Amino acid sequence: MPKSDLIAGIVLLVFGLAMLAVVIPTQTSEGGDATISPALLPQICSVGITGLAVLLTLQATGRLRRGVAAGVAVPAAEWWAMLAVVLAVGAAIALFVWVSPAVAAVLLIVGPMLYMGERRIWLVVGIPAALIVGAWFLFYRVLGTAIG
């Protein structure tokens, strides 16, 4: 394993422990008697980071071997696909804020379908319609809340 894995594991381990011991207790308030503490989610995340950092450090020191690294470069098509997803999510966030949640949902559903080659019109129209109507029914009729 590269030396960078060892350094990253140690840095993340120290970060996770510092979050658990110092930052979370001093920067979160106590929850009431009948509520969940506001510190619970940050604690869960910090425990996850710390645990994964321990695994990374053990793997980097050779104490934990799960196989040999492939060492294969990521193809350019994978990088372009990742960029397309990031741009679609960014555009959907902008549409959610400035236009409407429904338009953002359509972009997030139809965009990847078209990008991956789906051209059957009944699927390109039907899947977003079913998901959006289903989400509307769930939030507005079943749960009695609103979106956005």
N, C-alpha and C. Protein backbone atom coordinates (compact mmCIF):
# COMPACT_ATOMS: atom_id res chain seq x y z
N MET A 1 0.83 -1.18 0.00
CA MET A 1 0.00 0.00 0.00
C MET A 1 0.88 1.25 0.00
N PRO A 2 0.41 2.27 -0.63
CA PRO A 2 1.20 3.50 -0.66
C PRO A 2 1.28 4.16 0.72
N LYS A 3 2.32 4.94 0.89
CA LYS A 3 2.53 5.66 2.14
C LYS A 3 1.40 6.67 2.37
N SER A 4 0.81 7.16 1.29
CA SER A 4 -0.28 8.12 1.42
C SER A 4 -1.49 7.52 2.13
N ASP A 5 -1.73 6.21 1.95
CA ASP A 5 -2.83 5.56 2.67
C ASP A 5 -2.59 5.58 4.17
N LEU A 6 -1.36 5.32 4.57
CA LEU A 6 -1.03 5.34 5.99
C LEU A 6 -1.21 6.74 6.56
N ILE A 7 -0.72 7.74 5.86
CA ILE A 7 -0.84 9.13 6.34
C ILE A 7 -2.31 9.54 6.39
N ALA A 8 -3.06 9.22 5.35
CA ALA A 8 -4.48 9.57 5.33
C ALA A 8 -5.23 8.86 6.45
N GLY A 9 -4.92 7.60 6.69
CA GLY A 9 -5.58 6.86 7.76
C GLY A 9 -5.31 7.47 9.13
N ILE A 10 -4.06 7.86 9.37
CA ILE A 10 -3.71 8.45 10.67
C ILE A 10 -4.38 9.82 10.82
N VAL A 11 -4.34 10.64 9.77
CA VAL A 11 -4.96 11.97 9.85
C VAL A 11 -6.46 11.84 10.09
N LEU A 12 -7.13 10.94 9.37
CA LEU A 12 -8.56 10.77 9.56
C LEU A 12 -8.88 10.18 10.93
N LEU A 13 -8.03 9.32 11.44
CA LEU A 13 -8.21 8.77 12.78
C LEU A 13 -8.14 9.87 13.83
N VAL A 14 -7.14 10.72 13.73
CA VAL A 14 -7.01 11.84 14.66
C VAL A 14 -8.20 12.79 14.52
N PHE A 15 -8.61 13.06 13.28
CA PHE A 15 -9.77 13.94 13.05
C PHE A 15 -11.03 13.36 13.69
N GLY A 16 -11.29 12.08 13.45
CA GLY A 16 -12.48 11.45 14.02
C GLY A 16 -12.49 11.46 15.53
N LEU A 17 -11.34 11.16 16.13
CA LEU A 17 -11.26 11.18 17.59
C LEU A 17 -11.41 12.59 18.15
N ALA A 18 -10.84 13.58 17.46
CA ALA A 18 -10.98 14.97 17.91
C ALA A 18 -12.44 15.41 17.81
N MET A 19 -13.11 14.99 16.77
CA MET A 19 -14.53 15.33 16.64
C MET A 19 -15.34 14.72 17.78
N LEU A 20 -15.07 13.45 18.09
CA LEU A 20 -15.81 12.77 19.14
C LEU A 20 -15.51 13.33 20.52
N ALA A 21 -14.26 13.66 20.78
CA ALA A 21 -13.86 14.06 22.13
C ALA A 21 -14.02 15.54 22.39
N VAL A 22 -13.83 16.39 21.39
CA VAL A 22 -13.79 17.83 21.64
C VAL A 22 -14.89 18.59 20.91
N VAL A 23 -14.92 18.47 19.60
CA VAL A 23 -15.78 19.35 18.80
C VAL A 23 -17.27 19.08 19.03
N ILE A 24 -17.69 17.86 18.93
CA ILE A 24 -19.12 17.56 19.06
C ILE A 24 -19.65 17.90 20.46
N PRO A 25 -18.97 17.51 21.55
CA PRO A 25 -19.51 17.88 22.87
C PRO A 25 -19.56 19.39 23.12
N THR A 26 -18.63 20.14 22.56
CA THR A 26 -18.62 21.59 22.84
C THR A 26 -19.48 22.39 21.87
N GLN A 27 -19.80 21.85 20.71
CA GLN A 27 -20.52 22.62 19.70
C GLN A 27 -21.97 22.20 19.49
N THR A 28 -22.46 21.25 20.24
CA THR A 28 -23.86 20.84 20.11
C THR A 28 -24.56 21.03 21.44
N SER A 29 -25.86 21.25 21.36
CA SER A 29 -26.64 21.45 22.58
C SER A 29 -27.23 20.12 23.04
N GLU A 30 -27.66 20.11 24.27
CA GLU A 30 -28.30 18.92 24.82
C GLU A 30 -29.73 18.83 24.31
N GLY A 31 -30.18 17.62 24.03
CA GLY A 31 -31.56 17.43 23.61
C GLY A 31 -32.48 17.42 24.82
N GLY A 32 -33.76 17.64 24.58
CA GLY A 32 -34.73 17.59 25.67
C GLY A 32 -34.97 16.16 26.10
N ASP A 33 -35.93 15.99 27.01
CA ASP A 33 -36.23 14.66 27.53
C ASP A 33 -36.83 13.74 26.47
N ALA A 34 -37.65 14.28 25.60
CA ALA A 34 -38.36 13.45 24.63
C ALA A 34 -37.82 13.58 23.21
N THR A 35 -36.64 14.17 23.07
CA THR A 35 -36.10 14.34 21.73
C THR A 35 -34.76 13.64 21.59
N ILE A 36 -34.38 13.44 20.35
CA ILE A 36 -33.06 12.87 20.07
C ILE A 36 -32.04 13.98 20.18
N SER A 37 -30.91 13.69 20.73
CA SER A 37 -29.86 14.69 20.91
C SER A 37 -29.37 15.19 19.56
N PRO A 38 -29.14 16.49 19.43
CA PRO A 38 -28.59 17.03 18.18
C PRO A 38 -27.19 16.52 17.89
N ALA A 39 -26.53 15.94 18.87
CA ALA A 39 -25.18 15.42 18.68
C ALA A 39 -25.17 14.01 18.09
N LEU A 40 -26.33 13.37 17.98
CA LEU A 40 -26.36 11.96 17.57
C LEU A 40 -25.83 11.76 16.15
N LEU A 41 -26.32 12.51 15.18
CA LEU A 41 -25.87 12.31 13.81
C LEU A 41 -24.38 12.63 13.64
N PRO A 42 -23.87 13.75 14.19
CA PRO A 42 -22.43 13.97 14.09
C PRO A 42 -21.61 12.87 14.76
N GLN A 43 -22.12 12.32 15.85
CA GLN A 43 -21.41 11.24 16.52
C GLN A 43 -21.38 9.98 15.65
N ILE A 44 -22.51 9.68 15.02
CA ILE A 44 -22.56 8.51 14.13
C ILE A 44 -21.57 8.68 12.98
N CYS A 45 -21.55 9.87 12.38
CA CYS A 45 -20.62 10.13 11.27
C CYS A 45 -19.17 10.05 11.73
N SER A 46 -18.88 10.60 12.90
CA SER A 46 -17.50 10.57 13.42
C SER A 46 -17.06 9.15 13.75
N VAL A 47 -17.96 8.35 14.29
CA VAL A 47 -17.61 6.95 14.56
C VAL A 47 -17.35 6.21 13.24
N GLY A 48 -18.15 6.50 12.22
CA GLY A 48 -17.92 5.89 10.91
C GLY A 48 -16.58 6.29 10.32
N ILE A 49 -16.25 7.58 10.39
CA ILE A 49 -14.97 8.06 9.88
C ILE A 49 -13.82 7.43 10.64
N THR A 50 -13.93 7.37 11.96
CA THR A 50 -12.87 6.80 12.78
C THR A 50 -12.69 5.31 12.49
N GLY A 51 -13.80 4.59 12.37
CA GLY A 51 -13.71 3.17 12.08
C GLY A 51 -13.08 2.89 10.72
N LEU A 52 -13.48 3.64 9.72
CA LEU A 52 -12.88 3.46 8.40
C LEU A 52 -11.42 3.87 8.37
N ALA A 53 -11.06 4.88 9.17
CA ALA A 53 -9.66 5.29 9.26
C ALA A 53 -8.82 4.20 9.90
N VAL A 54 -9.37 3.52 10.90
CA VAL A 54 -8.64 2.39 11.52
C VAL A 54 -8.42 1.30 10.48
N LEU A 55 -9.45 0.98 9.70
CA LEU A 55 -9.29 -0.05 8.66
C LEU A 55 -8.25 0.36 7.62
N LEU A 56 -8.28 1.63 7.19
CA LEU A 56 -7.30 2.11 6.22
C LEU A 56 -5.89 2.04 6.78
N THR A 57 -5.72 2.42 8.04
CA THR A 57 -4.40 2.37 8.66
C THR A 57 -3.91 0.93 8.78
N LEU A 58 -4.79 0.03 9.19
CA LEU A 58 -4.40 -1.39 9.30
C LEU A 58 -4.04 -1.96 7.94
N GLN A 59 -4.79 -1.60 6.93
CA GLN A 59 -4.49 -2.09 5.59
C GLN A 59 -3.16 -1.52 5.09
N ALA A 60 -2.89 -0.26 5.39
CA ALA A 60 -1.66 0.37 4.92
C ALA A 60 -0.43 -0.20 5.62
N THR A 61 -0.58 -0.64 6.86
CA THR A 61 0.56 -1.20 7.59
C THR A 61 0.76 -2.68 7.28
N GLY A 62 -0.15 -3.27 6.54
CA GLY A 62 0.01 -4.68 6.17
C GLY A 62 -0.65 -5.64 7.13
N ARG A 63 -1.31 -5.15 8.15
CA ARG A 63 -1.96 -6.03 9.12
C ARG A 63 -3.32 -6.53 8.63
N LEU A 64 -3.84 -5.89 7.62
CA LEU A 64 -5.14 -6.26 7.07
C LEU A 64 -5.00 -6.35 5.56
N ARG A 65 -5.04 -7.54 5.03
CA ARG A 65 -4.92 -7.74 3.57
C ARG A 65 -6.22 -8.31 3.05
N ARG A 66 -6.82 -7.61 2.13
CA ARG A 66 -8.06 -8.08 1.52
C ARG A 66 -7.90 -8.35 0.04
N GLY A 67 -6.72 -8.36 -0.46
CA GLY A 67 -6.50 -8.60 -1.88
C GLY A 67 -5.45 -7.66 -2.41
N VAL A 68 -5.12 -7.84 -3.65
CA VAL A 68 -4.10 -7.02 -4.29
C VAL A 68 -4.79 -5.90 -5.07
N ALA A 69 -4.26 -4.72 -4.97
CA ALA A 69 -4.82 -3.59 -5.71
C ALA A 69 -4.69 -3.84 -7.20
N ALA A 70 -5.71 -3.48 -7.93
CA ALA A 70 -5.72 -3.74 -9.36
C ALA A 70 -4.72 -2.86 -10.10
N GLY A 71 -4.60 -1.64 -9.72
CA GLY A 71 -3.65 -0.74 -10.39
C GLY A 71 -4.07 -0.38 -11.80
N VAL A 72 -5.34 -0.51 -12.12
CA VAL A 72 -5.83 -0.21 -13.45
C VAL A 72 -6.32 1.24 -13.46
N ALA A 73 -5.93 1.96 -14.48
CA ALA A 73 -6.36 3.35 -14.61
C ALA A 73 -7.85 3.39 -14.95
N VAL A 74 -8.52 4.42 -14.46
CA VAL A 74 -9.93 4.60 -14.74
C VAL A 74 -10.07 5.12 -16.16
N PRO A 75 -10.90 4.47 -16.98
CA PRO A 75 -11.07 4.92 -18.36
C PRO A 75 -11.66 6.32 -18.43
N ALA A 76 -11.34 7.03 -19.50
CA ALA A 76 -11.82 8.40 -19.68
C ALA A 76 -13.34 8.46 -19.73
N ALA A 77 -13.98 7.43 -20.27
CA ALA A 77 -15.44 7.43 -20.35
C ALA A 77 -16.07 7.46 -18.96
N GLU A 78 -15.42 6.82 -17.98
CA GLU A 78 -15.92 6.84 -16.61
C GLU A 78 -15.84 8.25 -16.03
N TRP A 79 -14.76 8.96 -16.31
CA TRP A 79 -14.61 10.33 -15.82
C TRP A 79 -15.66 11.24 -16.45
N TRP A 80 -15.94 11.06 -17.73
CA TRP A 80 -16.96 11.87 -18.40
C TRP A 80 -18.34 11.57 -17.83
N ALA A 81 -18.62 10.31 -17.54
CA ALA A 81 -19.91 9.94 -16.95
C ALA A 81 -20.06 10.56 -15.57
N MET A 82 -18.98 10.55 -14.77
CA MET A 82 -19.03 11.15 -13.45
C MET A 82 -19.27 12.66 -13.56
N LEU A 83 -18.60 13.31 -14.50
CA LEU A 83 -18.79 14.74 -14.71
C LEU A 83 -20.23 15.04 -15.12
N ALA A 84 -20.80 14.21 -15.98
CA ALA A 84 -22.18 14.41 -16.40
C ALA A 84 -23.14 14.30 -15.22
N VAL A 85 -22.91 13.36 -14.33
CA VAL A 85 -23.77 13.20 -13.15
C VAL A 85 -23.64 14.41 -12.23
N VAL A 86 -22.42 14.87 -12.00
CA VAL A 86 -22.21 16.04 -11.15
C VAL A 86 -22.90 17.27 -11.74
N LEU A 87 -22.77 17.47 -13.04
CA LEU A 87 -23.43 18.61 -13.68
C LEU A 87 -24.95 18.48 -13.62
N ALA A 88 -25.48 17.28 -13.78
CA ALA A 88 -26.93 17.09 -13.71
C ALA A 88 -27.45 17.39 -12.31
N VAL A 89 -26.73 16.95 -11.29
CA VAL A 89 -27.16 17.23 -9.91
C VAL A 89 -27.06 18.73 -9.62
N GLY A 90 -26.01 19.37 -10.08
CA GLY A 90 -25.87 20.82 -9.90
C GLY A 90 -27.00 21.58 -10.58
N ALA A 91 -27.32 21.19 -11.80
CA ALA A 91 -28.42 21.84 -12.52
C ALA A 91 -29.75 21.58 -11.82
N ALA A 92 -29.93 20.38 -11.30
CA ALA A 92 -31.18 20.06 -10.60
C ALA A 92 -31.32 20.87 -9.32
N ILE A 93 -30.22 21.10 -8.62
CA ILE A 93 -30.27 21.93 -7.41
C ILE A 93 -30.67 23.36 -7.78
N ALA A 94 -30.07 23.88 -8.84
CA ALA A 94 -30.43 25.24 -9.28
C ALA A 94 -31.90 25.31 -9.70
N LEU A 95 -32.37 24.31 -10.43
CA LEU A 95 -33.78 24.30 -10.83
C LEU A 95 -34.70 24.14 -9.62
N PHE A 96 -34.29 23.36 -8.64
CA PHE A 96 -35.09 23.18 -7.43
C PHE A 96 -35.28 24.51 -6.71
N VAL A 97 -34.19 25.28 -6.62
CA VAL A 97 -34.24 26.55 -5.90
C VAL A 97 -34.97 27.62 -6.70
N TRP A 98 -34.67 27.75 -7.99
CA TRP A 98 -35.14 28.88 -8.76
C TRP A 98 -36.39 28.61 -9.60
N VAL A 99 -36.69 27.34 -9.89
CA VAL A 99 -37.84 27.07 -10.75
C VAL A 99 -38.90 26.29 -9.98
N SER A 100 -38.67 24.99 -9.80
CA SER A 100 -39.66 24.15 -9.14
C SER A 100 -39.06 22.79 -8.82
N PRO A 101 -39.47 22.17 -7.72
CA PRO A 101 -38.98 20.82 -7.43
C PRO A 101 -39.36 19.80 -8.50
N ALA A 102 -40.52 19.97 -9.12
CA ALA A 102 -40.95 19.02 -10.15
C ALA A 102 -40.03 19.08 -11.36
N VAL A 103 -39.62 20.26 -11.77
CA VAL A 103 -38.72 20.39 -12.92
C VAL A 103 -37.36 19.78 -12.59
N ALA A 104 -36.89 19.99 -11.36
CA ALA A 104 -35.62 19.39 -10.95
C ALA A 104 -35.71 17.86 -10.94
N ALA A 105 -36.84 17.33 -10.49
CA ALA A 105 -37.02 15.88 -10.47
C ALA A 105 -37.03 15.31 -11.88
N VAL A 106 -37.70 16.01 -12.80
CA VAL A 106 -37.73 15.55 -14.19
C VAL A 106 -36.32 15.51 -14.76
N LEU A 107 -35.54 16.55 -14.50
CA LEU A 107 -34.16 16.57 -14.99
C LEU A 107 -33.34 15.42 -14.41
N LEU A 108 -33.49 15.17 -13.11
CA LEU A 108 -32.71 14.10 -12.49
C LEU A 108 -33.14 12.71 -12.94
N ILE A 109 -34.35 12.57 -13.40
CA ILE A 109 -34.81 11.26 -13.85
C ILE A 109 -34.58 11.08 -15.35
N VAL A 110 -35.00 12.06 -16.13
CA VAL A 110 -34.93 11.95 -17.60
C VAL A 110 -33.49 12.10 -18.08
N GLY A 111 -32.72 13.00 -17.49
CA GLY A 111 -31.35 13.23 -17.92
C GLY A 111 -30.50 11.97 -17.96
N PRO A 112 -30.38 11.24 -16.84
CA PRO A 112 -29.60 10.00 -16.88
C PRO A 112 -30.19 8.94 -17.81
N MET A 113 -31.52 8.91 -17.92
CA MET A 113 -32.12 7.93 -18.83
C MET A 113 -31.68 8.20 -20.27
N LEU A 114 -31.72 9.47 -20.68
CA LEU A 114 -31.29 9.81 -22.04
C LEU A 114 -29.78 9.63 -22.21
N TYR A 115 -29.02 9.97 -21.19
CA TYR A 115 -27.56 9.84 -21.25
C TYR A 115 -27.15 8.37 -21.41
N MET A 116 -27.90 7.48 -20.75
CA MET A 116 -27.56 6.05 -20.83
C MET A 116 -28.17 5.37 -22.05
N GLY A 117 -28.86 6.13 -22.89
CA GLY A 117 -29.30 5.57 -24.16
C GLY A 117 -30.76 5.15 -24.23
N GLU A 118 -31.55 5.46 -23.23
CA GLU A 118 -32.97 5.09 -23.27
C GLU A 118 -33.70 5.99 -24.26
N ARG A 119 -34.37 5.40 -25.24
CA ARG A 119 -35.06 6.19 -26.25
C ARG A 119 -36.53 5.81 -26.40
N ARG A 120 -37.01 4.85 -25.62
CA ARG A 120 -38.42 4.48 -25.69
C ARG A 120 -39.23 5.58 -25.00
N ILE A 121 -40.06 6.25 -25.78
CA ILE A 121 -40.75 7.44 -25.31
C ILE A 121 -41.68 7.11 -24.14
N TRP A 122 -42.30 5.95 -24.15
CA TRP A 122 -43.22 5.61 -23.08
C TRP A 122 -42.49 5.45 -21.75
N LEU A 123 -41.23 5.02 -21.77
CA LEU A 123 -40.45 4.95 -20.54
C LEU A 123 -39.92 6.32 -20.12
N VAL A 124 -39.48 7.11 -21.10
CA VAL A 124 -38.93 8.44 -20.79
C VAL A 124 -40.01 9.34 -20.22
N VAL A 125 -41.26 9.14 -20.59
CA VAL A 125 -42.37 9.93 -20.05
C VAL A 125 -42.99 9.25 -18.84
N GLY A 126 -43.15 7.95 -18.90
CA GLY A 126 -43.87 7.22 -17.85
C GLY A 126 -43.16 7.11 -16.52
N ILE A 127 -41.86 6.85 -16.54
CA ILE A 127 -41.13 6.69 -15.28
C ILE A 127 -41.09 7.99 -14.48
N PRO A 128 -40.70 9.12 -15.10
CA PRO A 128 -40.74 10.36 -14.30
C PRO A 128 -42.15 10.72 -13.82
N ALA A 129 -43.14 10.51 -14.68
CA ALA A 129 -44.52 10.83 -14.28
C ALA A 129 -44.95 9.97 -13.09
N ALA A 130 -44.66 8.68 -13.15
CA ALA A 130 -45.05 7.80 -12.04
C ALA A 130 -44.32 8.16 -10.75
N LEU A 131 -43.03 8.46 -10.85
CA LEU A 131 -42.26 8.81 -9.65
C LEU A 131 -42.72 10.13 -9.05
N ILE A 132 -42.96 11.14 -9.89
CA ILE A 132 -43.37 12.44 -9.38
C ILE A 132 -44.79 12.39 -8.80
N VAL A 133 -45.70 11.73 -9.49
CA VAL A 133 -47.06 11.59 -8.95
C VAL A 133 -47.04 10.76 -7.67
N GLY A 134 -46.23 9.71 -7.65
CA GLY A 134 -46.11 8.90 -6.44
C GLY A 134 -45.54 9.69 -5.27
N ALA A 135 -44.53 10.51 -5.52
CA ALA A 135 -43.96 11.34 -4.46
C ALA A 135 -44.98 12.38 -3.99
N TRP A 136 -45.70 12.99 -4.93
CA TRP A 136 -46.74 13.95 -4.56
C TRP A 136 -47.79 13.28 -3.68
N PHE A 137 -48.25 12.10 -4.09
CA PHE A 137 -49.26 11.37 -3.32
C PHE A 137 -48.74 11.03 -1.93
N LEU A 138 -47.51 10.56 -1.85
CA LEU A 138 -46.94 10.21 -0.55
C LEU A 138 -46.85 11.41 0.37
N PHE A 139 -46.27 12.51 -0.11
CA PHE A 139 -46.04 13.65 0.77
C PHE A 139 -47.32 14.44 1.06
N TYR A 140 -48.13 14.69 0.05
CA TYR A 140 -49.30 15.55 0.25
C TYR A 140 -50.51 14.80 0.79
N ARG A 141 -50.73 13.57 0.34
CA ARG A 141 -51.94 12.86 0.75
C ARG A 141 -51.70 11.92 1.93
N VAL A 142 -50.63 11.14 1.90
CA VAL A 142 -50.40 10.17 2.96
C VAL A 142 -49.80 10.82 4.21
N LEU A 143 -48.69 11.58 4.01
CA LEU A 143 -48.01 12.18 5.15
C LEU A 143 -48.57 13.53 5.55
N GLY A 144 -49.28 14.20 4.66
CA GLY A 144 -49.86 15.49 4.97
C GLY A 144 -48.86 16.63 5.10
N THR A 145 -47.73 16.51 4.41
CA THR A 145 -46.72 17.57 4.45
C THR A 145 -46.53 18.12 3.04
N ALA A 146 -45.64 19.10 2.93
CA ALA A 146 -45.36 19.70 1.63
C ALA A 146 -43.88 19.54 1.29
N ILE A 147 -43.58 19.58 0.00
CA ILE A 147 -42.19 19.53 -0.48
C ILE A 147 -41.83 20.93 -0.93
N GLY A 148 -40.63 21.37 -0.54
CA GLY A 148 -40.13 22.67 -1.02
C GLY A 148 -40.98 23.78 -0.54
